Amino acid sequence: MNEKLVTSLSISQQMKEAGIEQSSEFKYCGGHIDYSEAIEGNFEKCENTDLLDDDEYCHTAGLTCEFTIAAFTAGELMIILPYKVTVNNTDYYLEILKIYSGWDVSYRSSQGELLMSKIDKISIEALGLMLLHLKKEGLIGKEGG
C-alpha cells in the first residue's frame, strides 16, 4: 500500500486519540514482535509504521503487530464525514475544492456562509483534519459520522 493514499501516521494517531472508530482496510503497525526471536526468549519490540493489509501481520516486515492505528483512505473518510452538519439551526454542507495551494475541505451554508475550513496540499490530509475538527467540536459522535 502506498502511504500517499492513506492518512499520515500523525493524522491517524490524532484520530485514534480523539476516539474515532478504528475501522479501516489499512493500518499502521507498532510494537512489532518477531516470533522467531520470541521463541528464543527475546521479546524486544521495535516501533515501525509499516502498513498492514490484514488484521495483525505486516507482510513487508514479516512481523506481527502488538497494536495498530487505522490508516484511512479518502473513500473511507468520505463515508465517515457527514454531508451536512447543523449548528444553531443552520445547515452547513460538505464542500471539497481543488485550490492553487492544494485542497480545501469546508462546510458552507446554502447562503454561502462558511462554518469551517481545512486546507492542505494533500487532499486526504485535509479530509482527516476536517474529521478531527468535527470530532473535537462535538459535531460527530464516537463512530465518526
N, C-alpha and C. Protein backbone atom coordinates (compact mmCIF):
# COMPACT_ATOMS: atom_id res chain seq x y z
N MET A 1 0.84 -1.19 0.00
CA MET A 1 0.00 0.00 0.00
C MET A 1 0.87 1.24 0.00
N ASN A 2 0.55 2.18 -0.83
CA ASN A 2 1.27 3.43 -0.92
C ASN A 2 0.79 4.36 0.19
N GLU A 3 1.71 4.82 1.03
CA GLU A 3 1.33 5.68 2.16
C GLU A 3 0.76 7.02 1.72
N LYS A 4 0.93 7.41 0.47
CA LYS A 4 0.36 8.67 -0.01
C LYS A 4 -1.14 8.54 -0.25
N LEU A 5 -1.65 7.31 -0.20
CA LEU A 5 -3.07 7.08 -0.45
C LEU A 5 -3.89 6.93 0.82
N VAL A 6 -3.23 7.07 1.97
CA VAL A 6 -3.91 6.97 3.27
C VAL A 6 -3.49 8.14 4.14
N THR A 7 -4.21 8.35 5.23
CA THR A 7 -3.84 9.42 6.16
C THR A 7 -2.44 9.17 6.72
N SER A 8 -1.73 10.24 6.97
CA SER A 8 -0.38 10.14 7.53
C SER A 8 -0.44 9.52 8.92
N LEU A 9 0.70 9.05 9.39
CA LEU A 9 0.76 8.47 10.73
C LEU A 9 0.33 9.51 11.77
N SER A 10 0.77 10.76 11.61
CA SER A 10 0.43 11.81 12.57
C SER A 10 -1.09 12.03 12.66
N ILE A 11 -1.75 12.21 11.51
CA ILE A 11 -3.21 12.42 11.50
C ILE A 11 -3.91 11.17 12.03
N SER A 12 -3.42 10.00 11.63
CA SER A 12 -4.02 8.74 12.07
C SER A 12 -3.95 8.59 13.59
N GLN A 13 -2.80 8.95 14.17
CA GLN A 13 -2.65 8.88 15.63
C GLN A 13 -3.61 9.84 16.32
N GLN A 14 -3.75 11.04 15.78
CA GLN A 14 -4.67 12.01 16.36
C GLN A 14 -6.11 11.51 16.31
N MET A 15 -6.48 10.84 15.22
CA MET A 15 -7.84 10.29 15.11
C MET A 15 -8.07 9.21 16.16
N LYS A 16 -7.07 8.35 16.35
CA LYS A 16 -7.22 7.30 17.36
C LYS A 16 -7.37 7.93 18.74
N GLU A 17 -6.52 8.92 19.06
CA GLU A 17 -6.58 9.60 20.35
C GLU A 17 -7.91 10.32 20.55
N ALA A 18 -8.51 10.81 19.46
CA ALA A 18 -9.79 11.52 19.54
C ALA A 18 -10.97 10.56 19.69
N GLY A 19 -10.71 9.25 19.58
CA GLY A 19 -11.76 8.27 19.76
C GLY A 19 -12.53 7.92 18.50
N ILE A 20 -11.97 8.25 17.34
CA ILE A 20 -12.63 7.89 16.08
C ILE A 20 -12.45 6.40 15.86
N GLU A 21 -13.55 5.72 15.54
CA GLU A 21 -13.53 4.26 15.37
C GLU A 21 -12.42 3.85 14.41
N GLN A 22 -11.68 2.82 14.77
CA GLN A 22 -10.52 2.40 14.02
C GLN A 22 -10.85 1.31 12.99
N SER A 23 -11.87 1.54 12.22
CA SER A 23 -12.30 0.60 11.20
C SER A 23 -11.79 1.06 9.84
N SER A 24 -10.74 0.41 9.35
CA SER A 24 -10.13 0.80 8.09
C SER A 24 -9.49 -0.43 7.45
N GLU A 25 -9.41 -0.42 6.15
CA GLU A 25 -8.80 -1.55 5.45
C GLU A 25 -7.30 -1.62 5.71
N PHE A 26 -6.66 -0.46 5.89
CA PHE A 26 -5.22 -0.41 6.09
C PHE A 26 -4.92 0.15 7.48
N LYS A 27 -3.77 -0.27 8.03
CA LYS A 27 -3.41 0.15 9.39
C LYS A 27 -1.91 0.39 9.47
N TYR A 28 -1.53 1.31 10.36
CA TYR A 28 -0.13 1.44 10.74
C TYR A 28 0.11 0.43 11.85
N CYS A 29 1.29 -0.12 11.87
CA CYS A 29 1.61 -1.18 12.82
C CYS A 29 2.69 -0.71 13.78
N GLY A 30 2.52 -0.99 15.05
CA GLY A 30 3.52 -0.63 16.04
C GLY A 30 3.75 -1.75 17.03
N GLY A 31 4.88 -1.68 17.71
CA GLY A 31 5.20 -2.69 18.72
C GLY A 31 5.35 -4.07 18.12
N HIS A 32 6.08 -4.16 17.01
CA HIS A 32 6.26 -5.46 16.36
C HIS A 32 6.88 -6.49 17.30
N ILE A 33 6.44 -7.71 17.16
CA ILE A 33 7.08 -8.84 17.85
C ILE A 33 7.46 -9.84 16.77
N ASP A 34 8.72 -10.16 16.67
CA ASP A 34 9.19 -11.15 15.72
C ASP A 34 9.14 -12.51 16.43
N TYR A 35 8.25 -13.37 16.00
CA TYR A 35 8.05 -14.63 16.71
C TYR A 35 9.26 -15.54 16.64
N SER A 36 10.10 -15.41 15.62
CA SER A 36 11.31 -16.23 15.60
C SER A 36 12.22 -15.84 16.76
N GLU A 37 12.25 -14.54 17.08
CA GLU A 37 13.04 -14.08 18.24
C GLU A 37 12.32 -14.43 19.54
N ALA A 38 11.00 -14.38 19.53
CA ALA A 38 10.23 -14.66 20.74
C ALA A 38 10.46 -16.11 21.20
N ILE A 39 10.59 -17.02 20.26
CA ILE A 39 10.82 -18.42 20.61
C ILE A 39 12.12 -18.55 21.40
N GLU A 40 13.10 -17.72 21.05
CA GLU A 40 14.39 -17.75 21.75
C GLU A 40 14.37 -16.92 23.04
N GLY A 41 13.20 -16.41 23.39
CA GLY A 41 13.09 -15.64 24.62
C GLY A 41 13.38 -14.16 24.46
N ASN A 42 13.60 -13.69 23.25
CA ASN A 42 13.86 -12.28 23.02
C ASN A 42 12.56 -11.59 22.62
N PHE A 43 11.98 -10.82 23.54
CA PHE A 43 10.70 -10.15 23.28
C PHE A 43 10.88 -8.67 23.00
N GLU A 44 12.03 -8.28 22.45
CA GLU A 44 12.25 -6.87 22.14
C GLU A 44 11.22 -6.39 21.13
N LYS A 45 10.72 -5.19 21.36
CA LYS A 45 9.74 -4.60 20.47
C LYS A 45 10.38 -3.45 19.71
N CYS A 46 10.01 -3.28 18.47
CA CYS A 46 10.52 -2.14 17.72
C CYS A 46 9.35 -1.36 17.14
N GLU A 47 9.48 -0.06 17.13
CA GLU A 47 8.44 0.79 16.55
C GLU A 47 8.60 0.79 15.04
N ASN A 48 7.50 0.73 14.33
CA ASN A 48 7.53 0.73 12.88
C ASN A 48 6.22 1.33 12.39
N THR A 49 6.23 1.87 11.21
CA THR A 49 4.99 2.41 10.66
C THR A 49 4.63 1.72 9.35
N ASP A 50 5.03 0.47 9.20
CA ASP A 50 4.63 -0.27 8.01
C ASP A 50 3.11 -0.43 8.00
N LEU A 51 2.55 -0.42 6.81
CA LEU A 51 1.11 -0.60 6.67
C LEU A 51 0.76 -2.07 6.62
N LEU A 52 -0.31 -2.41 7.29
CA LEU A 52 -0.81 -3.79 7.28
C LEU A 52 -1.90 -3.92 6.25
N ASP A 53 -2.05 -5.08 5.66
CA ASP A 53 -3.19 -5.29 4.78
C ASP A 53 -4.10 -6.39 5.30
N ASP A 54 -3.91 -6.79 6.54
CA ASP A 54 -4.86 -7.65 7.23
C ASP A 54 -4.82 -7.31 8.71
N ASP A 55 -5.40 -8.13 9.56
CA ASP A 55 -5.57 -7.75 10.96
C ASP A 55 -4.29 -7.45 11.72
N GLU A 56 -3.32 -8.36 11.70
CA GLU A 56 -2.17 -8.14 12.56
C GLU A 56 -0.83 -8.43 11.93
N TYR A 57 -0.78 -9.02 10.76
CA TYR A 57 0.50 -9.41 10.19
C TYR A 57 0.96 -8.41 9.15
N CYS A 58 2.17 -7.93 9.31
CA CYS A 58 2.77 -6.97 8.39
C CYS A 58 3.66 -7.73 7.42
N HIS A 59 3.22 -7.86 6.18
CA HIS A 59 3.96 -8.64 5.20
C HIS A 59 5.29 -8.01 4.83
N THR A 60 5.36 -6.68 4.84
CA THR A 60 6.63 -6.03 4.46
C THR A 60 7.73 -6.36 5.45
N ALA A 61 7.41 -6.34 6.72
CA ALA A 61 8.42 -6.60 7.74
C ALA A 61 8.45 -8.06 8.18
N GLY A 62 7.42 -8.82 7.84
CA GLY A 62 7.37 -10.21 8.28
C GLY A 62 7.17 -10.33 9.77
N LEU A 63 6.41 -9.41 10.34
CA LEU A 63 6.22 -9.37 11.79
C LEU A 63 4.74 -9.26 12.14
N THR A 64 4.41 -9.63 13.36
CA THR A 64 3.06 -9.46 13.87
C THR A 64 3.05 -8.24 14.78
N CYS A 65 1.98 -7.45 14.69
CA CYS A 65 1.90 -6.19 15.43
C CYS A 65 1.25 -6.35 16.79
N GLU A 66 1.72 -5.58 17.72
CA GLU A 66 1.13 -5.55 19.06
C GLU A 66 -0.05 -4.59 19.10
N PHE A 67 0.03 -3.48 18.35
CA PHE A 67 -1.09 -2.54 18.28
C PHE A 67 -1.13 -1.95 16.88
N THR A 68 -2.30 -1.45 16.50
CA THR A 68 -2.46 -0.86 15.18
C THR A 68 -3.19 0.48 15.27
N ILE A 69 -2.99 1.29 14.24
CA ILE A 69 -3.68 2.58 14.11
C ILE A 69 -4.26 2.61 12.70
N ALA A 70 -5.53 2.92 12.57
CA ALA A 70 -6.18 2.95 11.26
C ALA A 70 -5.53 3.98 10.35
N ALA A 71 -5.26 3.57 9.12
CA ALA A 71 -4.74 4.46 8.08
C ALA A 71 -5.85 4.58 7.05
N PHE A 72 -6.64 5.64 7.15
CA PHE A 72 -7.85 5.79 6.35
C PHE A 72 -7.55 6.18 4.91
N THR A 73 -8.32 5.60 3.99
CA THR A 73 -8.27 6.03 2.60
C THR A 73 -9.23 7.21 2.43
N ALA A 74 -9.12 7.91 1.31
CA ALA A 74 -10.03 9.02 1.04
C ALA A 74 -11.47 8.53 1.00
N GLY A 75 -11.70 7.37 0.38
CA GLY A 75 -13.05 6.82 0.31
C GLY A 75 -13.63 6.54 1.68
N GLU A 76 -12.82 6.01 2.58
CA GLU A 76 -13.29 5.73 3.94
C GLU A 76 -13.64 7.02 4.68
N LEU A 77 -12.81 8.05 4.51
CA LEU A 77 -13.09 9.34 5.16
C LEU A 77 -14.35 9.97 4.60
N MET A 78 -14.57 9.82 3.29
CA MET A 78 -15.78 10.39 2.69
C MET A 78 -17.04 9.72 3.23
N ILE A 79 -16.93 8.45 3.58
CA ILE A 79 -18.07 7.75 4.18
C ILE A 79 -18.31 8.25 5.61
N ILE A 80 -17.24 8.50 6.34
CA ILE A 80 -17.35 8.94 7.74
C ILE A 80 -17.80 10.39 7.86
N LEU A 81 -17.26 11.26 7.00
CA LEU A 81 -17.62 12.68 7.08
C LEU A 81 -19.10 12.88 6.75
N PRO A 82 -19.81 13.62 7.58
CA PRO A 82 -21.22 13.85 7.28
C PRO A 82 -21.38 14.83 6.11
N TYR A 83 -22.40 14.61 5.31
CA TYR A 83 -22.71 15.50 4.19
C TYR A 83 -23.18 16.86 4.72
N LYS A 84 -23.86 16.83 5.88
CA LYS A 84 -24.45 18.05 6.43
C LYS A 84 -24.23 18.07 7.94
N VAL A 85 -23.89 19.24 8.47
CA VAL A 85 -23.88 19.45 9.92
C VAL A 85 -24.79 20.64 10.20
N THR A 86 -25.45 20.59 11.35
CA THR A 86 -26.36 21.67 11.73
C THR A 86 -25.84 22.34 12.99
N VAL A 87 -25.69 23.65 12.92
CA VAL A 87 -25.22 24.44 14.05
C VAL A 87 -26.17 25.63 14.19
N ASN A 88 -26.75 25.80 15.39
CA ASN A 88 -27.68 26.92 15.65
C ASN A 88 -28.77 27.01 14.58
N ASN A 89 -29.40 25.88 14.30
CA ASN A 89 -30.50 25.78 13.33
C ASN A 89 -30.11 26.14 11.89
N THR A 90 -28.82 26.19 11.58
CA THR A 90 -28.37 26.43 10.21
C THR A 90 -27.67 25.18 9.70
N ASP A 91 -28.03 24.75 8.49
CA ASP A 91 -27.41 23.59 7.88
C ASP A 91 -26.20 24.02 7.07
N TYR A 92 -25.10 23.29 7.26
CA TYR A 92 -23.87 23.53 6.51
C TYR A 92 -23.54 22.24 5.76
N TYR A 93 -23.12 22.38 4.50
CA TYR A 93 -22.91 21.23 3.63
C TYR A 93 -21.43 21.06 3.28
N LEU A 94 -21.01 19.81 3.20
CA LEU A 94 -19.62 19.48 2.87
C LEU A 94 -19.29 19.97 1.46
N GLU A 95 -18.14 20.63 1.34
CA GLU A 95 -17.68 21.16 0.06
C GLU A 95 -16.18 20.85 -0.05
N ILE A 96 -15.77 20.26 -1.16
CA ILE A 96 -14.36 19.93 -1.38
C ILE A 96 -13.93 20.61 -2.67
N LEU A 97 -12.93 21.47 -2.56
CA LEU A 97 -12.47 22.24 -3.72
C LEU A 97 -10.97 22.06 -3.93
N LYS A 98 -10.58 21.95 -5.17
CA LYS A 98 -9.16 21.98 -5.53
C LYS A 98 -8.78 23.44 -5.69
N ILE A 99 -7.81 23.88 -4.91
CA ILE A 99 -7.36 25.27 -4.97
C ILE A 99 -5.88 25.31 -5.34
N TYR A 100 -5.38 26.47 -5.60
CA TYR A 100 -4.00 26.62 -6.05
C TYR A 100 -3.01 25.96 -5.09
N SER A 101 -3.19 26.14 -3.80
CA SER A 101 -2.24 25.61 -2.81
C SER A 101 -2.54 24.18 -2.37
N GLY A 102 -3.57 23.57 -2.92
CA GLY A 102 -3.90 22.20 -2.53
C GLY A 102 -5.39 21.94 -2.55
N TRP A 103 -5.92 21.54 -1.39
CA TRP A 103 -7.32 21.16 -1.27
C TRP A 103 -7.97 21.89 -0.10
N ASP A 104 -9.20 22.32 -0.31
CA ASP A 104 -9.98 23.00 0.72
C ASP A 104 -11.21 22.14 1.01
N VAL A 105 -11.30 21.64 2.23
CA VAL A 105 -12.47 20.89 2.68
C VAL A 105 -13.20 21.78 3.67
N SER A 106 -14.45 22.09 3.37
CA SER A 106 -15.17 23.04 4.23
C SER A 106 -16.63 22.64 4.37
N TYR A 107 -17.29 23.32 5.30
CA TYR A 107 -18.74 23.24 5.46
C TYR A 107 -19.28 24.64 5.27
N ARG A 108 -20.24 24.78 4.34
CA ARG A 108 -20.78 26.07 3.95
C ARG A 108 -22.30 25.97 3.89
N SER A 109 -22.99 27.03 4.29
CA SER A 109 -24.45 27.05 4.22
C SER A 109 -24.90 27.29 2.78
N SER A 110 -26.18 27.07 2.53
CA SER A 110 -26.71 27.31 1.18
C SER A 110 -26.66 28.80 0.83
N GLN A 111 -26.52 29.67 1.84
CA GLN A 111 -26.38 31.10 1.60
C GLN A 111 -24.90 31.49 1.43
N GLY A 112 -24.00 30.52 1.49
CA GLY A 112 -22.57 30.79 1.29
C GLY A 112 -21.79 31.06 2.56
N GLU A 113 -22.45 31.02 3.73
CA GLU A 113 -21.77 31.28 4.99
C GLU A 113 -20.84 30.11 5.33
N LEU A 114 -19.58 30.40 5.61
CA LEU A 114 -18.58 29.39 5.93
C LEU A 114 -18.61 29.06 7.42
N LEU A 115 -18.75 27.78 7.74
CA LEU A 115 -18.71 27.34 9.14
C LEU A 115 -17.28 27.03 9.54
N MET A 116 -16.59 26.24 8.70
CA MET A 116 -15.21 25.85 8.99
C MET A 116 -14.55 25.41 7.71
N SER A 117 -13.22 25.48 7.69
CA SER A 117 -12.47 25.09 6.51
C SER A 117 -11.13 24.51 6.94
N LYS A 118 -10.69 23.47 6.25
CA LYS A 118 -9.37 22.87 6.48
C LYS A 118 -8.68 22.77 5.13
N ILE A 119 -7.47 23.28 5.05
CA ILE A 119 -6.72 23.30 3.80
C ILE A 119 -5.41 22.54 3.98
N ASP A 120 -5.08 21.72 2.99
CA ASP A 120 -3.81 21.01 2.99
C ASP A 120 -3.42 20.76 1.54
N LYS A 121 -2.13 20.63 1.30
CA LYS A 121 -1.70 20.37 -0.08
C LYS A 121 -2.06 18.96 -0.52
N ILE A 122 -2.36 18.07 0.43
CA ILE A 122 -2.76 16.70 0.13
C ILE A 122 -4.23 16.54 0.51
N SER A 123 -5.05 16.08 -0.41
CA SER A 123 -6.50 16.01 -0.17
C SER A 123 -6.85 15.14 1.02
N ILE A 124 -6.21 14.01 1.16
CA ILE A 124 -6.57 13.09 2.25
C ILE A 124 -6.25 13.71 3.61
N GLU A 125 -5.20 14.51 3.68
CA GLU A 125 -4.87 15.16 4.94
C GLU A 125 -5.91 16.22 5.29
N ALA A 126 -6.40 16.96 4.29
CA ALA A 126 -7.45 17.95 4.53
C ALA A 126 -8.72 17.27 5.02
N LEU A 127 -9.06 16.12 4.43
CA LEU A 127 -10.24 15.36 4.89
C LEU A 127 -10.04 14.90 6.33
N GLY A 128 -8.86 14.39 6.65
CA GLY A 128 -8.57 13.94 8.01
C GLY A 128 -8.61 15.08 9.02
N LEU A 129 -8.07 16.23 8.65
CA LEU A 129 -8.12 17.39 9.54
C LEU A 129 -9.56 17.83 9.80
N MET A 130 -10.40 17.78 8.77
CA MET A 130 -11.80 18.14 8.95
C MET A 130 -12.49 17.17 9.89
N LEU A 131 -12.24 15.89 9.72
CA LEU A 131 -12.85 14.89 10.60
C LEU A 131 -12.42 15.12 12.05
N LEU A 132 -11.15 15.41 12.26
CA LEU A 132 -10.66 15.71 13.61
C LEU A 132 -11.35 16.95 14.18
N HIS A 133 -11.49 17.98 13.37
CA HIS A 133 -12.12 19.22 13.83
C HIS A 133 -13.58 18.96 14.23
N LEU A 134 -14.32 18.23 13.39
CA LEU A 134 -15.72 17.93 13.72
C LEU A 134 -15.82 17.15 15.02
N LYS A 135 -14.92 16.21 15.22
CA LYS A 135 -14.92 15.40 16.44
C LYS A 135 -14.63 16.28 17.68
N LYS A 136 -13.61 17.12 17.56
CA LYS A 136 -13.23 17.98 18.68
C LYS A 136 -14.32 18.99 19.03
N GLU A 137 -15.09 19.43 18.02
CA GLU A 137 -16.17 20.39 18.24
C GLU A 137 -17.46 19.70 18.68
N GLY A 138 -17.44 18.37 18.75
CA GLY A 138 -18.63 17.63 19.18
C GLY A 138 -19.73 17.57 18.13
N LEU A 139 -19.37 17.75 16.86
CA LEU A 139 -20.37 17.74 15.80
C LEU A 139 -20.59 16.34 15.21
N ILE A 140 -19.76 15.38 15.62
CA ILE A 140 -19.95 13.98 15.23
C ILE A 140 -19.73 13.12 16.46
N GLY A 141 -20.28 11.92 16.41
CA GLY A 141 -20.16 11.01 17.55
C GLY A 141 -18.90 10.18 17.52
N LYS A 142 -18.87 9.15 18.39
CA LYS A 142 -17.71 8.28 18.54
C LYS A 142 -17.31 7.59 17.25
N GLU A 143 -18.30 7.13 16.49
CA GLU A 143 -18.01 6.36 15.27
C GLU A 143 -17.49 7.23 14.15
N GLY A 144 -17.50 8.51 14.33
CA GLY A 144 -17.02 9.41 13.28
C GLY A 144 -18.15 10.22 12.73
N GLY A 145 -18.99 9.64 11.88
CA GLY A 145 -20.05 10.38 11.21
C GLY A 145 -21.37 10.33 11.89
